[in-house]
Amino acid sequence: NLTVTFLDVGQGDSAVIELSDKKVIVIDSGKDGFHTSNYLKYRGIKEISAFVISHPQKDHVGGFERMASDFKINEVWDNGLVEYLKDYGIKKVSLSRGDVFQGDDYKIFVFHPHDDFIPDKNAENNLSLVIKICGRANCFLFTGDIEIEAIEDINRLGSYLQSDVLKIPHHGSKTSGDAEFISLVSPRYAVISVGKDNKHGLPHAEVLTLLSDIKVFRTDVDGAIRFREDKTGGLEVLTYKDFTLKPKPDIHEEWLNIKRLFYRW
């Protein structure tokens, strides 16, 4: 079944998507790829169908070289504006709005960027790839580091943005908070990928206020967050925090601690 895991890579981004036909998509790899690589190895994954570079900043793709060394990568998807330091011998596919991929029980839509969008500032962030991945009954919207300029452009897509899970742009920064965008996406869950005690003070309080009616998961609080779609279209949610031993437990919590010793992520 469709499984999407948002990894805790500190102040950065990385997500692993396991599709229903066993293909694997990795979106970004954090600063060094260490956690992403180890998680894939833990899952027994040796081949990446597509590695997605949302945009070329170190906190998102600093680990690309490690990933290319540790795994067979069939394709790299980018926004057409990435300069590679060397030829890794991997097929490169540049995506833009309107691109659609379809497989068994899933569809992938590309919403951003597009040729008519030229940002006035923060071009790297505002040209991030925005991708929607839908399974049987649930959709996930990945937003890179887009800021207000790109968000206002994307809002024109209206109801196409609706998704069950939204990866909050730019680690929850103030420049990525937009009430109309949140309303259009209308997610049941929001995920903020952010480092613990980061120097930027993220996520911003205004963004958390915008999300007050939505169940929010944060990698700095919950660790990795995994969503798995079941055969009926339901969505199971687990966090790394759920699997950690609890200190100073009562008798009931101590029994749960014993069970947690045998849990497998």
C-alpha atoms as a PDB file:
ATOM      1  CA  ASN A   1       0.000   0.000   0.000  1.00  0.00           C
ATOM      2  CA  LEU A   2       1.021   3.616  -0.466  1.00  0.00           C
ATOM      3  CA  THR A   3       3.343   4.568   2.394  1.00  0.00           C
ATOM      4  CA  VAL A   4       4.789   8.037   2.925  1.00  0.00           C
ATOM      5  CA  THR A   5       7.425   8.652   5.584  1.00  0.00           C
ATOM      6  CA  PHE A   6       8.635  12.117   6.508  1.00  0.00           C
ATOM      7  CA  LEU A   7      12.083  11.647   8.032  1.00  0.00           C
ATOM      8  CA  ASP A   8      13.666  13.587  10.859  1.00  0.00           C
ATOM      9  CA  VAL A   9      16.817  14.993   9.243  1.00  0.00           C
ATOM     10  CA  GLY A  10      17.237  17.997  11.535  1.00  0.00           C
ATOM     11  CA  GLN A  11      16.857  21.396   9.882  1.00  0.00           C
ATOM     12  CA  GLY A  12      16.129  20.032   6.431  1.00  0.00           C
ATOM     13  CA  ASP A  13      13.708  17.961   4.370  1.00  0.00           C
ATOM     14  CA  SER A  14      13.468  14.343   3.309  1.00  0.00           C
ATOM     15  CA  ALA A  15      10.540  12.047   2.523  1.00  0.00           C
ATOM     16  CA  VAL A  16      10.341   8.458   1.293  1.00  0.00           C
ATOM     17  CA  ILE A  17       7.329   7.365  -0.759  1.00  0.00           C
ATOM     18  CA  GLU A  18       6.752   3.635  -1.239  1.00  0.00           C
ATOM     19  CA  LEU A  19       4.201   3.154  -4.017  1.00  0.00           C
ATOM     20  CA  SER A  20       1.743   0.298  -4.437  1.00  0.00           C
ATOM     21  CA  ASP A  21       3.773  -1.211  -7.310  1.00  0.00           C
ATOM     22  CA  LYS A  22       6.919  -1.349  -5.127  1.00  0.00           C
ATOM     23  CA  LYS A  23       8.516   1.673  -6.774  1.00  0.00           C
ATOM     24  CA  VAL A  24      10.240   4.064  -4.372  1.00  0.00           C
ATOM     25  CA  ILE A  25      10.438   7.838  -4.673  1.00  0.00           C
ATOM     26  CA  VAL A  26      12.713   9.876  -2.428  1.00  0.00           C
ATOM     27  CA  ILE A  27      12.071  13.609  -2.156  1.00  0.00           C
ATOM     28  CA  ASP A  28      15.213  15.384  -0.906  1.00  0.00           C
ATOM     29  CA  SER A  29      17.783  13.918   1.472  1.00  0.00           C
ATOM     30  CA  GLY A  30      18.599  16.534   4.112  1.00  0.00           C
ATOM     31  CA  LYS A  31      22.083  18.000   4.537  1.00  0.00           C
ATOM     32  CA  ASP A  32      24.102  14.789   4.307  1.00  0.00           C
ATOM     33  CA  GLY A  33      21.764  11.940   3.372  1.00  0.00           C
ATOM     34  CA  PHE A  34      22.798   9.970   6.468  1.00  0.00           C
ATOM     35  CA  HIS A  35      19.338   9.454   7.945  1.00  0.00           C
ATOM     36  CA  THR A  36      17.659   8.932   4.577  1.00  0.00           C
ATOM     37  CA  SER A  37      20.194   6.310   3.522  1.00  0.00           C
ATOM     38  CA  ASN A  38      19.964   4.457   6.828  1.00  0.00           C
ATOM     39  CA  TYR A  39      16.166   4.427   6.746  1.00  0.00           C
ATOM     40  CA  LEU A  40      16.103   2.978   3.220  1.00  0.00           C
ATOM     41  CA  LYS A  41      18.601   0.303   4.228  1.00  0.00           C
ATOM     42  CA  TYR A  42      16.494  -0.501   7.285  1.00  0.00           C
ATOM     43  CA  ARG A  43      13.490  -0.952   4.996  1.00  0.00           C
ATOM     44  CA  GLY A  44      15.537  -3.249   2.774  1.00  0.00           C
ATOM     45  CA  ILE A  45      15.340  -0.847  -0.174  1.00  0.00           C
ATOM     46  CA  LYS A  46      18.228  -1.019  -2.640  1.00  0.00           C
ATOM     47  CA  GLU A  47      16.781   0.796  -5.658  1.00  0.00           C
ATOM     48  CA  ILE A  48      15.248   4.269  -5.929  1.00  0.00           C
ATOM     49  CA  SER A  49      12.919   4.690  -8.884  1.00  0.00           C
ATOM     50  CA  ALA A  50      13.087   8.492  -8.760  1.00  0.00           C
ATOM     51  CA  PHE A  51      15.069  10.857  -6.579  1.00  0.00           C
ATOM     52  CA  VAL A  52      13.340  14.243  -6.512  1.00  0.00           C
ATOM     53  CA  ILE A  53      15.353  17.415  -6.000  1.00  0.00           C
ATOM     54  CA  SER A  54      12.807  19.958  -4.823  1.00  0.00           C
ATOM     55  CA  HIS A  55      15.411  22.725  -5.227  1.00  0.00           C
ATOM     56  CA  PRO A  56      19.205  22.871  -4.983  1.00  0.00           C
ATOM     57  CA  GLN A  57      19.809  23.965  -1.377  1.00  0.00           C
ATOM     58  CA  LYS A  58      22.042  21.962   0.946  1.00  0.00           C
ATOM     59  CA  ASP A  59      19.413  21.323   3.618  1.00  0.00           C
ATOM     60  CA  HIS A  60      17.376  19.499   0.959  1.00  0.00           C
ATOM     61  CA  VAL A  61      19.901  17.852  -1.351  1.00  0.00           C
ATOM     62  CA  GLY A  62      23.237  17.998   0.439  1.00  0.00           C
ATOM     63  CA  GLY A  63      23.030  14.233   0.716  1.00  0.00           C
ATOM     64  CA  PHE A  64      22.509  13.513  -2.970  1.00  0.00           C
ATOM     65  CA  GLU A  65      26.053  12.239  -3.533  1.00  0.00           C
ATOM     66  CA  ARG A  66      25.720   9.798  -0.644  1.00  0.00           C
ATOM     67  CA  MET A  67      22.391   8.584  -2.045  1.00  0.00           C
ATOM     68  CA  ALA A  68      23.869   8.107  -5.503  1.00  0.00           C
ATOM     69  CA  SER A  69      26.697   6.103  -3.960  1.00  0.00           C
ATOM     70  CA  ASP A  70      24.554   3.945  -1.668  1.00  0.00           C
ATOM     71  CA  PHE A  71      21.675   3.124  -4.032  1.00  0.00           C
ATOM     72  CA  LYS A  72      20.807   2.472  -7.633  1.00  0.00           C
ATOM     73  CA  ILE A  73      18.851   5.559  -8.735  1.00  0.00           C
ATOM     74  CA  ASN A  74      16.935   5.117 -11.981  1.00  0.00           C
ATOM     75  CA  GLU A  75      15.962   8.760 -12.508  1.00  0.00           C
ATOM     76  CA  VAL A  76      16.489  12.182 -10.969  1.00  0.00           C
ATOM     77  CA  TRP A  77      13.566  14.599 -11.165  1.00  0.00           C
ATOM     78  CA  ASP A  78      14.287  18.315 -10.855  1.00  0.00           C
ATOM     79  CA  ASN A  79      12.882  21.709 -11.874  1.00  0.00           C
ATOM     80  CA  GLY A  80      15.239  22.103 -14.826  1.00  0.00           C
ATOM     81  CA  LEU A  81      17.429  24.624 -12.999  1.00  0.00           C
ATOM     82  CA  VAL A  82      19.817  22.320 -11.152  1.00  0.00           C
ATOM     83  CA  GLU A  83      23.520  22.357 -11.973  1.00  0.00           C
ATOM     84  CA  TYR A  84      25.199  19.037 -11.188  1.00  0.00           C
ATOM     85  CA  LEU A  85      28.819  18.969 -10.042  1.00  0.00           C
ATOM     86  CA  LYS A  86      29.500  15.788 -11.972  1.00  0.00           C
ATOM     87  CA  ASP A  87      27.806  13.250 -14.209  1.00  0.00           C
ATOM     88  CA  TYR A  88      26.401  10.498 -12.031  1.00  0.00           C
ATOM     89  CA  GLY A  89      25.204   8.525 -15.051  1.00  0.00           C
ATOM     90  CA  ILE A  90      21.587   8.868 -13.946  1.00  0.00           C
ATOM     91  CA  LYS A  91      18.762   9.843 -16.273  1.00  0.00           C
ATOM     92  CA  LYS A  92      17.581  13.393 -15.481  1.00  0.00           C
ATOM     93  CA  VAL A  93      13.963  14.451 -15.960  1.00  0.00           C
ATOM     94  CA  SER A  94      12.953  18.104 -15.659  1.00  0.00           C
ATOM     95  CA  LEU A  95       9.396  18.604 -14.439  1.00  0.00           C
ATOM     96  CA  SER A  96       6.956  21.499 -14.716  1.00  0.00           C
ATOM     97  CA  ARG A  97       3.277  22.211 -14.149  1.00  0.00           C
ATOM     98  CA  GLY A  98       1.023  19.834 -16.056  1.00  0.00           C
ATOM     99  CA  ASP A  99       3.245  16.763 -15.893  1.00  0.00           C
ATOM    100  CA  VAL A 100       1.331  13.694 -14.720  1.00  0.00           C
ATOM    101  CA  PHE A 101       2.492  10.146 -13.914  1.00  0.00           C
ATOM    102  CA  GLN A 102       0.126   7.258 -13.350  1.00  0.00           C
ATOM    103  CA  GLY A 103       0.685   3.798 -11.941  1.00  0.00           C
ATOM    104  CA  ASP A 104      -1.171   1.058 -10.095  1.00  0.00           C
ATOM    105  CA  ASP A 105      -3.492   2.780  -7.628  1.00  0.00           C
ATOM    106  CA  TYR A 106      -1.610   6.088  -7.697  1.00  0.00           C
ATOM    107  CA  LYS A 107      -1.180   9.308  -9.627  1.00  0.00           C
ATOM    108  CA  ILE A 108       1.508  11.983  -9.433  1.00  0.00           C
ATOM    109  CA  PHE A 109       0.799  15.586 -10.437  1.00  0.00           C
ATOM    110  CA  VAL A 110       3.312  18.415 -10.859  1.00  0.00           C
ATOM    111  CA  PHE A 111       1.929  21.852  -9.919  1.00  0.00           C
ATOM    112  CA  HIS A 112       5.029  24.054  -9.888  1.00  0.00           C
ATOM    113  CA  PRO A 113       7.084  25.668 -11.343  1.00  0.00           C
ATOM    114  CA  HIS A 114       5.990  26.661 -14.842  1.00  0.00           C
ATOM    115  CA  ASP A 115       7.445  28.743 -17.684  1.00  0.00           C
ATOM    116  CA  ASP A 116       5.297  31.813 -17.014  1.00  0.00           C
ATOM    117  CA  PHE A 117       6.353  32.105 -13.381  1.00  0.00           C
ATOM    118  CA  ILE A 118       9.363  34.374 -12.816  1.00  0.00           C
ATOM    119  CA  PRO A 119       9.882  35.210  -9.123  1.00  0.00           C
ATOM    120  CA  ASP A 120      10.946  38.685  -8.031  1.00  0.00           C
ATOM    121  CA  LYS A 121      12.993  37.377  -5.098  1.00  0.00           C
ATOM    122  CA  ASN A 122      14.130  34.186  -3.361  1.00  0.00           C
ATOM    123  CA  ALA A 123      14.162  32.422  -6.708  1.00  0.00           C
ATOM    124  CA  GLU A 124      15.597  29.121  -5.454  1.00  0.00           C
ATOM    125  CA  ASN A 125      12.842  28.716  -2.876  1.00  0.00           C
ATOM    126  CA  ASN A 126      10.020  30.008  -5.053  1.00  0.00           C
ATOM    127  CA  LEU A 127      11.006  27.704  -7.916  1.00  0.00           C
ATOM    128  CA  SER A 128      10.780  24.595  -5.736  1.00  0.00           C
ATOM    129  CA  LEU A 129       8.982  21.639  -7.221  1.00  0.00           C
ATOM    130  CA  VAL A 130       5.462  21.203  -5.863  1.00  0.00           C
ATOM    131  CA  ILE A 131       4.191  17.656  -6.331  1.00  0.00           C
ATOM    132  CA  LYS A 132       0.926  15.964  -5.357  1.00  0.00           C
ATOM    133  CA  ILE A 133       0.914  12.190  -4.923  1.00  0.00           C
ATOM    134  CA  CYS A 134      -2.448  10.423  -4.642  1.00  0.00           C
ATOM    135  CA  GLY A 135      -3.128   6.820  -3.647  1.00  0.00           C
ATOM    136  CA  ARG A 136      -6.462   5.013  -3.558  1.00  0.00           C
ATOM    137  CA  ALA A 137      -8.188   7.652  -1.459  1.00  0.00           C
ATOM    138  CA  ASN A 138      -5.524   9.946   0.025  1.00  0.00           C
ATOM    139  CA  CYS A 139      -3.340  12.678  -1.433  1.00  0.00           C
ATOM    140  CA  PHE A 140      -0.066  14.170  -0.209  1.00  0.00           C
ATOM    141  CA  LEU A 141       1.151  17.630  -1.238  1.00  0.00           C
ATOM    142  CA  PHE A 142       4.915  18.236  -1.176  1.00  0.00           C
ATOM    143  CA  THR A 143       5.875  21.908  -1.336  1.00  0.00           C
ATOM    144  CA  GLY A 144       9.633  22.264  -0.983  1.00  0.00           C
ATOM    145  CA  ASP A 145      10.531  25.749   0.259  1.00  0.00           C
ATOM    146  CA  ILE A 146       8.007  27.839  -1.689  1.00  0.00           C
ATOM    147  CA  GLU A 147       7.213  31.254  -0.243  1.00  0.00           C
ATOM    148  CA  ILE A 148       4.345  33.735  -0.620  1.00  0.00           C
ATOM    149  CA  GLU A 149       5.129  34.609  -4.246  1.00  0.00           C
ATOM    150  CA  ALA A 150       4.899  31.008  -5.416  1.00  0.00           C
ATOM    151  CA  ILE A 151       2.022  30.200  -3.084  1.00  0.00           C
ATOM    152  CA  GLU A 152      -0.101  33.008  -4.522  1.00  0.00           C
ATOM    153  CA  ASP A 153       0.595  31.671  -8.008  1.00  0.00           C
ATOM    154  CA  ILE A 154      -0.286  28.108  -6.996  1.00  0.00           C
ATOM    155  CA  ASN A 155      -3.522  29.254  -5.363  1.00  0.00           C
ATOM    156  CA  ARG A 156      -4.930  29.748  -8.870  1.00  0.00           C
ATOM    157  CA  LEU A 157      -5.171  25.968  -9.111  1.00  0.00           C
ATOM    158  CA  GLY A 158      -8.019  26.099  -6.610  1.00  0.00           C
ATOM    159  CA  SER A 159      -9.577  22.753  -5.730  1.00  0.00           C
ATOM    160  CA  TYR A 160      -6.797  20.815  -7.482  1.00  0.00           C
ATOM    161  CA  LEU A 161      -4.680  21.581  -4.406  1.00  0.00           C
ATOM    162  CA  GLN A 162      -6.950  19.662  -2.014  1.00  0.00           C
ATOM    163  CA  SER A 163      -4.886  17.050  -0.171  1.00  0.00           C
ATOM    164  CA  ASP A 164      -5.171  14.975   2.968  1.00  0.00           C
ATOM    165  CA  VAL A 165      -1.593  15.590   4.067  1.00  0.00           C
ATOM    166  CA  LEU A 166       0.301  18.831   3.499  1.00  0.00           C
ATOM    167  CA  LYS A 167       4.037  19.192   3.914  1.00  0.00           C
ATOM    168  CA  ILE A 168       4.192  22.784   5.175  1.00  0.00           C
ATOM    169  CA  PRO A 169       6.505  24.856   2.969  1.00  0.00           C
ATOM    170  CA  HIS A 170       9.898  26.161   4.080  1.00  0.00           C
ATOM    171  CA  HIS A 171       9.966  24.503   7.507  1.00  0.00           C
ATOM    172  CA  GLY A 172       7.051  26.573   8.747  1.00  0.00           C
ATOM    173  CA  SER A 173       8.593  29.987   8.113  1.00  0.00           C
ATOM    174  CA  LYS A 174       6.513  33.165   8.231  1.00  0.00           C
ATOM    175  CA  THR A 175       7.099  33.756   4.507  1.00  0.00           C
ATOM    176  CA  SER A 176       5.244  30.535   3.723  1.00  0.00           C
ATOM    177  CA  GLY A 177       2.143  31.140   5.794  1.00  0.00           C
ATOM    178  CA  ASP A 178      -0.950  31.853   3.712  1.00  0.00           C
ATOM    179  CA  ALA A 179      -4.521  31.375   4.908  1.00  0.00           C
ATOM    180  CA  GLU A 180      -5.981  30.996   1.403  1.00  0.00           C
ATOM    181  CA  PHE A 181      -3.470  28.271   0.561  1.00  0.00           C
ATOM    182  CA  ILE A 182      -4.267  26.311   3.720  1.00  0.00           C
ATOM    183  CA  SER A 183      -7.981  26.678   3.006  1.00  0.00           C
ATOM    184  CA  LEU A 184      -7.618  25.413  -0.567  1.00  0.00           C
ATOM    185  CA  VAL A 185      -5.535  22.418   0.449  1.00  0.00           C
ATOM    186  CA  SER A 186      -7.834  21.773   3.466  1.00  0.00           C
ATOM    187  CA  PRO A 187      -5.592  19.013   4.849  1.00  0.00           C
ATOM    188  CA  ARG A 188      -6.484  16.649   7.648  1.00  0.00           C
ATOM    189  CA  TYR A 189      -2.824  16.493   8.635  1.00  0.00           C
ATOM    190  CA  ALA A 190       0.086  18.904   8.293  1.00  0.00           C
ATOM    191  CA  VAL A 191       3.764  17.971   8.589  1.00  0.00           C
ATOM    192  CA  ILE A 192       6.481  20.473   9.475  1.00  0.00           C
ATOM    193  CA  SER A 193      10.019  19.301   8.797  1.00  0.00           C
ATOM    194  CA  VAL A 194      12.178  21.309  11.181  1.00  0.00           C
ATOM    195  CA  GLY A 195      15.249  20.919  13.370  1.00  0.00           C
ATOM    196  CA  LYS A 196      15.033  20.822  17.144  1.00  0.00           C
ATOM    197  CA  ASP A 197      15.928  24.163  18.782  1.00  0.00           C
ATOM    198  CA  ASN A 198      16.844  25.590  15.367  1.00  0.00           C
ATOM    199  CA  LYS A 199      18.399  29.063  15.258  1.00  0.00           C
ATOM    200  CA  HIS A 200      15.595  30.406  13.025  1.00  0.00           C
ATOM    201  CA  GLY A 201      12.916  29.912  15.671  1.00  0.00           C
ATOM    202  CA  LEU A 202      10.818  27.761  13.352  1.00  0.00           C
ATOM    203  CA  PRO A 203       8.030  26.933  12.987  1.00  0.00           C
ATOM    204  CA  HIS A 204       6.764  30.507  13.205  1.00  0.00           C
ATOM    205  CA  ALA A 205       3.935  31.223  15.641  1.00  0.00           C
ATOM    206  CA  GLU A 206       1.755  32.724  12.885  1.00  0.00           C
ATOM    207  CA  VAL A 207       1.986  29.514  10.882  1.00  0.00           C
ATOM    208  CA  LEU A 208       1.013  27.411  13.884  1.00  0.00           C
ATOM    209  CA  THR A 209      -1.984  29.700  14.391  1.00  0.00           C
ATOM    210  CA  LEU A 210      -3.047  29.097  10.780  1.00  0.00           C
ATOM    211  CA  LEU A 211      -2.889  25.365  11.474  1.00  0.00           C
ATOM    212  CA  SER A 212      -4.754  25.465  14.782  1.00  0.00           C
ATOM    213  CA  ASP A 213      -7.686  23.408  13.423  1.00  0.00           C
ATOM    214  CA  ILE A 214      -5.454  20.799  11.769  1.00  0.00           C
ATOM    215  CA  LYS A 215      -3.572  17.887  13.315  1.00  0.00           C
ATOM    216  CA  VAL A 216       0.078  18.964  13.085  1.00  0.00           C
ATOM    217  CA  PHE A 217       3.106  16.679  13.223  1.00  0.00           C
ATOM    218  CA  ARG A 218       6.636  18.088  13.626  1.00  0.00           C
ATOM    219  CA  THR A 219       9.841  16.181  13.071  1.00  0.00           C
ATOM    220  CA  ASP A 220      11.524  18.055  15.949  1.00  0.00           C
ATOM    221  CA  VAL A 221       8.820  16.821  18.342  1.00  0.00           C
ATOM    222  CA  ASP A 222       7.513  13.567  16.829  1.00  0.00           C
ATOM    223  CA  GLY A 223      10.585  12.339  14.972  1.00  0.00           C
ATOM    224  CA  ALA A 224       9.803  10.567  11.707  1.00  0.00           C
ATOM    225  CA  ILE A 225       6.133  10.449  10.714  1.00  0.00           C
ATOM    226  CA  ARG A 226       4.751   7.581   8.634  1.00  0.00           C
ATOM    227  CA  PHE A 227       1.418   7.533   6.814  1.00  0.00           C
ATOM    228  CA  ARG A 228       0.200   4.243   5.353  1.00  0.00           C
ATOM    229  CA  GLU A 229      -2.921   3.842   3.266  1.00  0.00           C
ATOM    230  CA  ASP A 230      -4.903   0.653   3.873  1.00  0.00           C
ATOM    231  CA  LYS A 231      -6.968  -1.292   1.345  1.00  0.00           C
ATOM    232  CA  THR A 232     -10.169   0.503   2.301  1.00  0.00           C
ATOM    233  CA  GLY A 233      -8.654   3.963   1.801  1.00  0.00           C
ATOM    234  CA  GLY A 234      -8.047   4.613   5.487  1.00  0.00           C
ATOM    235  CA  LEU A 235      -4.842   6.288   6.654  1.00  0.00           C
ATOM    236  CA  GLU A 236      -2.730   4.846   9.455  1.00  0.00           C
ATOM    237  CA  VAL A 237      -0.369   7.327  11.145  1.00  0.00           C
ATOM    238  CA  LEU A 238       2.644   6.368  13.237  1.00  0.00           C
ATOM    239  CA  THR A 239       5.455   8.492  14.628  1.00  0.00           C
ATOM    240  CA  TYR A 240       8.874   7.568  15.919  1.00  0.00           C
ATOM    241  CA  LYS A 241       7.799   9.123  19.209  1.00  0.00           C
ATOM    242  CA  ASP A 242       5.169   6.375  19.531  1.00  0.00           C
ATOM    243  CA  PHE A 243       7.969   3.788  19.626  1.00  0.00           C
ATOM    244  CA  THR A 244      10.263   5.434  22.187  1.00  0.00           C
ATOM    245  CA  LEU A 245      10.414   4.219  25.763  1.00  0.00           C
ATOM    246  CA  LYS A 246       8.670   6.454  28.279  1.00  0.00           C
ATOM    247  CA  PRO A 247      10.607   7.452  31.430  1.00  0.00           C
ATOM    248  CA  LYS A 248       9.263   6.927  34.948  1.00  0.00           C
ATOM    249  CA  PRO A 249       6.306   4.813  33.809  1.00  0.00           C
ATOM    250  CA  ASP A 250       3.413   3.535  35.884  1.00  0.00           C
ATOM    251  CA  ILE A 251       2.507  -0.162  35.678  1.00  0.00           C
ATOM    252  CA  HIS A 252       0.445   0.283  32.501  1.00  0.00           C
ATOM    253  CA  GLU A 253       3.128   2.395  30.803  1.00  0.00           C
ATOM    254  CA  GLU A 254       5.824  -0.073  31.845  1.00  0.00           C
ATOM    255  CA  TRP A 255       3.892  -2.852  30.057  1.00  0.00           C
ATOM    256  CA  LEU A 256       3.731  -0.636  26.964  1.00  0.00           C
ATOM    257  CA  ASN A 257       7.480  -0.024  27.266  1.00  0.00           C
ATOM    258  CA  ILE A 258       8.053  -3.788  27.157  1.00  0.00           C
ATOM    259  CA  LYS A 259       5.881  -4.027  24.038  1.00  0.00           C
ATOM    260  CA  ARG A 260       7.784  -1.135  22.431  1.00  0.00           C
ATOM    261  CA  LEU A 261      10.997  -3.171  22.702  1.00  0.00           C
ATOM    262  CA  PHE A 262       9.558  -5.523  20.088  1.00  0.00           C
ATOM    263  CA  TYR A 263       7.860  -2.974  17.816  1.00  0.00           C
ATOM    264  CA  ARG A 264       9.127  -2.754  14.282  1.00  0.00           C
ATOM    265  CA  TRP A 265       8.797   0.549  12.438  1.00  0.00           C
END
